[in-house]
C-alpha atoms as a PDB file:
ATOM      1  CA  MET A   1    -181.537 129.886 -28.573  1.00  0.00           C
ATOM      2  CA  LYS A   2    -179.491 127.469 -26.231  1.00  0.00           C
ATOM      3  CA  ALA A   3    -180.640 123.492 -25.927  1.00  0.00           C
ATOM      4  CA  GLY A   4    -182.072 124.089 -22.208  1.00  0.00           C
ATOM      5  CA  ASN A   5    -184.466 126.682 -23.422  1.00  0.00           C
ATOM      6  CA  ILE A   6    -185.452 124.375 -26.591  1.00  0.00           C
ATOM      7  CA  LEU A   7    -186.079 121.685 -24.126  1.00  0.00           C
ATOM      8  CA  LEU A   8    -188.302 123.835 -21.660  1.00  0.00           C
ATOM      9  CA  ILE A   9    -190.089 124.957 -24.340  1.00  0.00           C
ATOM     10  CA  ILE A  10    -190.960 121.616 -25.718  1.00  0.00           C
ATOM     11  CA  GLY A  11    -191.727 120.181 -22.084  1.00  0.00           C
ATOM     12  CA  LEU A  12    -194.067 122.693 -21.478  1.00  0.00           C
ATOM     13  CA  ILE A  13    -195.703 122.076 -24.749  1.00  0.00           C
ATOM     14  CA  VAL A  14    -195.499 118.611 -23.757  1.00  0.00           C
ATOM     15  CA  VAL A  15    -197.397 118.610 -20.611  1.00  0.00           C
ATOM     16  CA  ALA A  16    -199.668 121.358 -21.604  1.00  0.00           C
ATOM     17  CA  ALA A  17    -200.810 118.161 -24.142  1.00  0.00           C
ATOM     18  CA  GLY A  18    -200.840 116.217 -21.389  1.00  0.00           C
ATOM     19  CA  VAL A  19    -203.307 118.239 -19.503  1.00  0.00           C
ATOM     20  CA  VAL A  20    -206.077 118.320 -22.493  1.00  0.00           C
ATOM     21  CA  LEU A  21    -205.725 114.946 -22.472  1.00  0.00           C
ATOM     22  CA  SER A  22    -206.442 114.792 -19.114  1.00  0.00           C
ATOM     23  CA  ALA A  23    -209.111 117.018 -19.466  1.00  0.00           C
ATOM     24  CA  LYS A  24    -210.716 115.412 -22.243  1.00  0.00           C
ATOM     25  CA  GLN A  25    -210.525 111.865 -19.872  1.00  0.00           C
ATOM     26  CA  ILE A  26    -207.803 110.434 -22.177  1.00  0.00           C
ATOM     27  CA  GLU A  27    -206.195 108.806 -18.969  1.00  0.00           C
ATOM     28  CA  PRO A  28    -203.459 106.085 -19.451  1.00  0.00           C
ATOM     29  CA  TYR A  29    -201.650 108.422 -22.381  1.00  0.00           C
ATOM     30  CA  ALA A  30    -202.296 111.555 -20.427  1.00  0.00           C
ATOM     31  CA  ASP A  31    -200.050 109.872 -17.509  1.00  0.00           C
ATOM     32  CA  TYR A  32    -197.568 108.963 -19.453  1.00  0.00           C
ATOM     33  CA  VAL A  33    -197.478 112.587 -21.150  1.00  0.00           C
ATOM     34  CA  LEU A  34    -197.564 114.319 -18.133  1.00  0.00           C
ATOM     35  CA  VAL A  35    -194.162 112.165 -17.100  1.00  0.00           C
ATOM     36  CA  VAL A  36    -192.566 112.886 -20.363  1.00  0.00           C
ATOM     37  CA  GLY A  37    -193.615 116.617 -19.858  1.00  0.00           C
ATOM     38  CA  ALA A  38    -191.923 116.507 -16.574  1.00  0.00           C
ATOM     39  CA  VAL A  39    -188.879 114.721 -17.238  1.00  0.00           C
ATOM     40  CA  LEU A  40    -187.989 117.413 -20.401  1.00  0.00           C
ATOM     41  CA  VAL A  41    -188.648 120.073 -18.073  1.00  0.00           C
ATOM     42  CA  VAL A  42    -186.291 118.831 -15.404  1.00  0.00           C
ATOM     43  CA  LEU A  43    -183.597 117.803 -18.153  1.00  0.00           C
ATOM     44  CA  SER A  44    -183.866 121.570 -19.542  1.00  0.00           C
ATOM     45  CA  GLY A  45    -182.696 122.789 -15.797  1.00  0.00           C
ATOM     46  CA  SER A  46    -179.929 120.565 -15.702  1.00  0.00           C
ATOM     47  CA  LEU A  47    -178.610 121.726 -18.882  1.00  0.00           C
ATOM     48  CA  ARG A  48    -178.872 125.325 -18.232  1.00  0.00           C
ATOM     49  CA  MET A  49    -177.280 124.321 -14.388  1.00  0.00           C
ATOM     50  CA  ARG A  50    -174.740 123.150 -16.454  1.00  0.00           C
ATOM     51  CA  ASN A  51    -174.170 125.966 -19.042  1.00  0.00           C
ATOM     52  CA  LYS A  52    -173.725 128.400 -16.409  1.00  0.00           C
END
């Protein structure tokens, strides 16, 4: 697997964890986890575009 794909999978898992935290209403941590997950997904997209 390429680094972009691995980063995308990790980013989506982190976003899913943020959704669970948000559903449990653990608000400050949920916001941070969602932001980190979004940054990982954006970085994976840039890595995938660089490899093309």
